[in-house]
């Protein structure tokens, strides 16, 4: 097809959509433990609902200098389990670059009681923590942090609770 006078629009192939359940079921390759992410649970003010909501924030340990990135993810929520599948990084549009980690914030409006929060990488590694959310007293408690039994599972996330200000 000549470039000067195209008669038809060229077809662009569609990218393959990664499925969240495939990442949960995948068996990771054998790698050593290396902390890459920090998962913080806290209460933050949400402008859209004009209330304080429990928020799970995930950020990288590595800091980026040239661009500011955000973490892209899929969320699979079952009864008392929240699976956060890390899909990759996406550059934000900003004028002045600053040194900062890649960050993603997930506000949840209806977290009351104990929840298993699992961070899942694309290769299948899973880290899990059990949080107890109390929206009435604005308290979050980290009950335990563990690696689910899975072949070649490794530690890559540290879970923390940030006191609300």
C-alpha atoms as a PDB file:
ATOM      1  CA  UNK A   1       0.000   0.000   0.000  1.00  0.00           C
ATOM      2  CA  UNK A   2       1.547   3.356  -0.988  1.00  0.00           C
ATOM      3  CA  UNK A   3       1.924   5.884   1.786  1.00  0.00           C
ATOM      4  CA  UNK A   4       0.954   8.954  -0.239  1.00  0.00           C
ATOM      5  CA  UNK A   5      -2.597   7.973  -1.168  1.00  0.00           C
ATOM      6  CA  UNK A   6      -3.840   5.228   1.146  1.00  0.00           C
ATOM      7  CA  UNK A   7      -7.101   3.619   0.084  1.00  0.00           C
ATOM      8  CA  UNK A   8      -7.799   1.785   3.334  1.00  0.00           C
ATOM      9  CA  UNK A   9      -6.965   2.302   6.950  1.00  0.00           C
ATOM     10  CA  UNK A  10      -4.275  -0.185   8.013  1.00  0.00           C
ATOM     11  CA  UNK A  11      -5.301  -2.682  10.691  1.00  0.00           C
ATOM     12  CA  UNK A  12      -3.518  -2.344  13.999  1.00  0.00           C
ATOM     13  CA  UNK A  13      -3.233  -5.579  15.947  1.00  0.00           C
ATOM     14  CA  UNK A  14      -4.888  -5.602  19.358  1.00  0.00           C
ATOM     15  CA  UNK A  15      -2.667  -6.144  22.342  1.00  0.00           C
ATOM     16  CA  UNK A  16      -3.303  -9.184  24.436  1.00  0.00           C
ATOM     17  CA  UNK A  17      -5.172  -8.385  27.648  1.00  0.00           C
ATOM     18  CA  UNK A  18      -3.532  -9.975  30.653  1.00  0.00           C
ATOM     19  CA  UNK A  19      -6.031 -11.760  32.834  1.00  0.00           C
ATOM     20  CA  UNK A  20      -6.018 -11.274  36.595  1.00  0.00           C
ATOM     21  CA  UNK A  21      -6.919 -14.866  37.425  1.00  0.00           C
ATOM     22  CA  UNK A  22      -4.052 -16.164  35.282  1.00  0.00           C
ATOM     23  CA  UNK A  23      -1.576 -14.204  37.422  1.00  0.00           C
ATOM     24  CA  UNK A  24      -3.084 -15.597  40.637  1.00  0.00           C
ATOM     25  CA  UNK A  25      -2.815 -19.191  39.390  1.00  0.00           C
ATOM     26  CA  UNK A  26       0.652 -18.862  37.780  1.00  0.00           C
ATOM     27  CA  UNK A  27       3.670 -20.529  39.368  1.00  0.00           C
ATOM     28  CA  UNK A  28       6.568 -18.072  39.719  1.00  0.00           C
ATOM     29  CA  UNK A  29      10.120 -18.882  38.720  1.00  0.00           C
ATOM     30  CA  UNK A  30      12.627 -19.459  41.504  1.00  0.00           C
ATOM     31  CA  UNK A  31      14.108 -16.095  42.548  1.00  0.00           C
ATOM     32  CA  UNK A  32      15.526 -14.778  45.842  1.00  0.00           C
ATOM     33  CA  UNK A  33      13.489 -12.543  48.166  1.00  0.00           C
ATOM     34  CA  UNK A  34      13.789  -8.849  47.304  1.00  0.00           C
ATOM     35  CA  UNK A  35      11.616  -6.046  48.688  1.00  0.00           C
ATOM     36  CA  UNK A  36      10.157  -4.093  45.764  1.00  0.00           C
ATOM     37  CA  UNK A  37       6.877  -2.667  47.104  1.00  0.00           C
ATOM     38  CA  UNK A  38       5.413  -1.199  50.283  1.00  0.00           C
ATOM     39  CA  UNK A  39       1.682  -1.592  50.928  1.00  0.00           C
ATOM     40  CA  UNK A  40       0.285   0.997  53.358  1.00  0.00           C
ATOM     41  CA  UNK A  41      -3.186   0.931  54.863  1.00  0.00           C
ATOM     42  CA  UNK A  42      -4.581   4.203  56.186  1.00  0.00           C
ATOM     43  CA  UNK A  43      -7.632   6.433  56.357  1.00  0.00           C
ATOM     44  CA  UNK A  44      -7.683   9.362  53.898  1.00  0.00           C
ATOM     45  CA  UNK A  45     -10.158  12.074  53.019  1.00  0.00           C
ATOM     46  CA  UNK A  46     -11.889  11.377  49.701  1.00  0.00           C
ATOM     47  CA  UNK A  47     -12.902  14.502  47.793  1.00  0.00           C
ATOM     48  CA  UNK A  48     -15.572  12.787  45.704  1.00  0.00           C
ATOM     49  CA  UNK A  49     -17.534  11.329  48.632  1.00  0.00           C
ATOM     50  CA  UNK A  50     -16.528  14.078  51.119  1.00  0.00           C
ATOM     51  CA  UNK A  51     -15.708  11.514  53.799  1.00  0.00           C
ATOM     52  CA  UNK A  52     -12.772   9.672  55.325  1.00  0.00           C
ATOM     53  CA  UNK A  53     -12.356   6.238  53.711  1.00  0.00           C
ATOM     54  CA  UNK A  54      -9.924   3.355  54.221  1.00  0.00           C
ATOM     55  CA  UNK A  55      -7.243   3.494  51.529  1.00  0.00           C
ATOM     56  CA  UNK A  56      -4.638   0.981  50.454  1.00  0.00           C
ATOM     57  CA  UNK A  57      -1.578   2.646  48.941  1.00  0.00           C
ATOM     58  CA  UNK A  58       1.054   0.688  47.041  1.00  0.00           C
ATOM     59  CA  UNK A  59       4.386   2.263  46.210  1.00  0.00           C
ATOM     60  CA  UNK A  60       7.687   1.059  44.847  1.00  0.00           C
ATOM     61  CA  UNK A  61      10.844   1.117  46.927  1.00  0.00           C
ATOM     62  CA  UNK A  62      12.817   2.294  43.880  1.00  0.00           C
ATOM     63  CA  UNK A  63      12.562   6.017  43.194  1.00  0.00           C
ATOM     64  CA  UNK A  64      12.365   7.371  39.658  1.00  0.00           C
ATOM     65  CA  UNK A  65      14.105  10.591  38.607  1.00  0.00           C
ATOM     66  CA  UNK A  66      13.103  11.422  35.038  1.00  0.00           C
ATOM     67  CA  UNK A  67       9.389  10.629  35.065  1.00  0.00           C
ATOM     68  CA  UNK A  68       6.755  10.157  37.712  1.00  0.00           C
ATOM     69  CA  UNK A  69       5.010   6.826  37.357  1.00  0.00           C
ATOM     70  CA  UNK A  70       1.802   5.310  38.613  1.00  0.00           C
ATOM     71  CA  UNK A  71       1.277   1.596  39.182  1.00  0.00           C
ATOM     72  CA  UNK A  72      -1.398   0.013  37.004  1.00  0.00           C
ATOM     73  CA  UNK A  73      -3.337  -2.834  38.560  1.00  0.00           C
ATOM     74  CA  UNK A  74      -6.414  -5.024  38.470  1.00  0.00           C
ATOM     75  CA  UNK A  75      -8.489  -5.700  41.554  1.00  0.00           C
ATOM     76  CA  UNK A  76     -10.287  -8.955  42.241  1.00  0.00           C
ATOM     77  CA  UNK A  77     -12.517  -8.721  45.283  1.00  0.00           C
ATOM     78  CA  UNK A  78     -14.161 -11.708  46.872  1.00  0.00           C
ATOM     79  CA  UNK A  79     -16.007 -11.898  50.201  1.00  0.00           C
ATOM     80  CA  UNK A  80     -13.214 -11.109  52.667  1.00  0.00           C
ATOM     81  CA  UNK A  81     -10.300 -11.189  50.221  1.00  0.00           C
ATOM     82  CA  UNK A  82      -8.851  -8.440  48.061  1.00  0.00           C
ATOM     83  CA  UNK A  83      -6.391  -9.434  45.333  1.00  0.00           C
ATOM     84  CA  UNK A  84      -4.386  -6.542  43.875  1.00  0.00           C
ATOM     85  CA  UNK A  85      -2.659  -7.708  40.688  1.00  0.00           C
ATOM     86  CA  UNK A  86       0.249  -5.452  39.709  1.00  0.00           C
ATOM     87  CA  UNK A  87       0.122  -5.002  35.928  1.00  0.00           C
ATOM     88  CA  UNK A  88       2.975  -2.537  35.350  1.00  0.00           C
ATOM     89  CA  UNK A  89       3.920   1.135  35.395  1.00  0.00           C
ATOM     90  CA  UNK A  90       2.482   4.042  33.416  1.00  0.00           C
ATOM     91  CA  UNK A  91       4.111   7.465  33.082  1.00  0.00           C
ATOM     92  CA  UNK A  92       2.114  10.419  34.365  1.00  0.00           C
ATOM     93  CA  UNK A  93       2.021  13.681  32.494  1.00  0.00           C
ATOM     94  CA  UNK A  94       3.815  16.295  34.551  1.00  0.00           C
ATOM     95  CA  UNK A  95       5.828  19.385  33.754  1.00  0.00           C
ATOM     96  CA  UNK A  96       8.468  19.248  36.474  1.00  0.00           C
ATOM     97  CA  UNK A  97      10.056  15.861  37.147  1.00  0.00           C
ATOM     98  CA  UNK A  98      10.675  15.011  40.791  1.00  0.00           C
ATOM     99  CA  UNK A  99      12.390  12.120  42.506  1.00  0.00           C
ATOM    100  CA  UNK A 100       9.602   9.876  43.791  1.00  0.00           C
ATOM    101  CA  UNK A 101       8.451   6.265  43.803  1.00  0.00           C
ATOM    102  CA  UNK A 102       5.641   4.929  41.625  1.00  0.00           C
ATOM    103  CA  UNK A 103       2.392   5.113  43.616  1.00  0.00           C
ATOM    104  CA  UNK A 104      -1.162   3.794  43.386  1.00  0.00           C
ATOM    105  CA  UNK A 105      -3.980   4.602  45.830  1.00  0.00           C
ATOM    106  CA  UNK A 106      -7.077   2.433  46.183  1.00  0.00           C
ATOM    107  CA  UNK A 107      -9.898   3.926  48.262  1.00  0.00           C
ATOM    108  CA  UNK A 108     -12.497   1.468  49.578  1.00  0.00           C
ATOM    109  CA  UNK A 109     -15.724   2.745  51.110  1.00  0.00           C
ATOM    110  CA  UNK A 110     -17.066  -0.424  52.685  1.00  0.00           C
ATOM    111  CA  UNK A 111     -14.203  -2.106  54.554  1.00  0.00           C
ATOM    112  CA  UNK A 112     -15.303  -3.134  58.039  1.00  0.00           C
ATOM    113  CA  UNK A 113     -13.749  -6.091  59.813  1.00  0.00           C
ATOM    114  CA  UNK A 114     -10.913  -8.415  58.811  1.00  0.00           C
ATOM    115  CA  UNK A 115      -9.742  -8.587  55.200  1.00  0.00           C
ATOM    116  CA  UNK A 116      -6.989 -10.578  53.498  1.00  0.00           C
ATOM    117  CA  UNK A 117      -5.124  -8.187  51.191  1.00  0.00           C
ATOM    118  CA  UNK A 118      -2.961 -10.020  48.634  1.00  0.00           C
ATOM    119  CA  UNK A 119      -0.460  -8.344  46.330  1.00  0.00           C
ATOM    120  CA  UNK A 120       0.110 -10.454  43.197  1.00  0.00           C
ATOM    121  CA  UNK A 121       2.889  -9.944  40.661  1.00  0.00           C
ATOM    122  CA  UNK A 122       2.511 -10.925  36.996  1.00  0.00           C
ATOM    123  CA  UNK A 123       4.817 -13.913  37.415  1.00  0.00           C
ATOM    124  CA  UNK A 124       2.517 -15.388  40.082  1.00  0.00           C
ATOM    125  CA  UNK A 125       4.284 -14.478  43.350  1.00  0.00           C
ATOM    126  CA  UNK A 126       1.804 -13.551  46.114  1.00  0.00           C
ATOM    127  CA  UNK A 127       2.285 -11.716  49.425  1.00  0.00           C
ATOM    128  CA  UNK A 128      -0.642 -11.491  51.839  1.00  0.00           C
ATOM    129  CA  UNK A 129      -1.515  -9.578  54.991  1.00  0.00           C
ATOM    130  CA  UNK A 130      -4.580  -9.638  57.215  1.00  0.00           C
ATOM    131  CA  UNK A 131      -5.871  -6.175  58.144  1.00  0.00           C
ATOM    132  CA  UNK A 132      -8.642  -5.338  60.590  1.00  0.00           C
ATOM    133  CA  UNK A 133     -10.506  -2.182  59.551  1.00  0.00           C
ATOM    134  CA  UNK A 134     -12.675  -0.254  62.016  1.00  0.00           C
ATOM    135  CA  UNK A 135     -14.312   2.668  60.206  1.00  0.00           C
ATOM    136  CA  UNK A 136     -16.121   3.909  63.315  1.00  0.00           C
ATOM    137  CA  UNK A 137     -13.000   4.556  65.402  1.00  0.00           C
ATOM    138  CA  UNK A 138     -10.793   5.147  62.301  1.00  0.00           C
ATOM    139  CA  UNK A 139      -8.354   2.414  63.290  1.00  0.00           C
ATOM    140  CA  UNK A 140      -6.536  -0.155  61.177  1.00  0.00           C
ATOM    141  CA  UNK A 141      -4.656  -3.057  62.688  1.00  0.00           C
ATOM    142  CA  UNK A 142      -2.170  -5.311  60.869  1.00  0.00           C
ATOM    143  CA  UNK A 143      -2.923  -8.761  62.299  1.00  0.00           C
ATOM    144  CA  UNK A 144      -0.438 -10.843  60.317  1.00  0.00           C
ATOM    145  CA  UNK A 145       1.758 -10.837  57.249  1.00  0.00           C
ATOM    146  CA  UNK A 146       2.545 -14.090  55.435  1.00  0.00           C
ATOM    147  CA  UNK A 147       3.410 -15.853  52.181  1.00  0.00           C
ATOM    148  CA  UNK A 148       0.630 -18.149  50.932  1.00  0.00           C
ATOM    149  CA  UNK A 149       1.740 -21.750  50.339  1.00  0.00           C
ATOM    150  CA  UNK A 150       2.734 -21.770  46.677  1.00  0.00           C
ATOM    151  CA  UNK A 151       5.684 -23.270  44.855  1.00  0.00           C
ATOM    152  CA  UNK A 152       8.590 -20.785  44.471  1.00  0.00           C
ATOM    153  CA  UNK A 153       6.681 -18.011  46.271  1.00  0.00           C
ATOM    154  CA  UNK A 154       8.928 -15.191  47.506  1.00  0.00           C
ATOM    155  CA  UNK A 155       8.785 -12.066  49.638  1.00  0.00           C
ATOM    156  CA  UNK A 156       8.533  -8.795  47.666  1.00  0.00           C
ATOM    157  CA  UNK A 157       6.103  -6.611  49.674  1.00  0.00           C
ATOM    158  CA  UNK A 158       6.225  -5.048  53.130  1.00  0.00           C
ATOM    159  CA  UNK A 159       2.860  -4.260  54.723  1.00  0.00           C
ATOM    160  CA  UNK A 160       2.436  -1.311  57.113  1.00  0.00           C
ATOM    161  CA  UNK A 161      -0.289   0.766  58.759  1.00  0.00           C
ATOM    162  CA  UNK A 162      -0.062   4.546  58.679  1.00  0.00           C
ATOM    163  CA  UNK A 163      -1.789   6.404  61.509  1.00  0.00           C
ATOM    164  CA  UNK A 164      -4.412   8.819  60.228  1.00  0.00           C
ATOM    165  CA  UNK A 165      -3.660  12.487  60.719  1.00  0.00           C
END
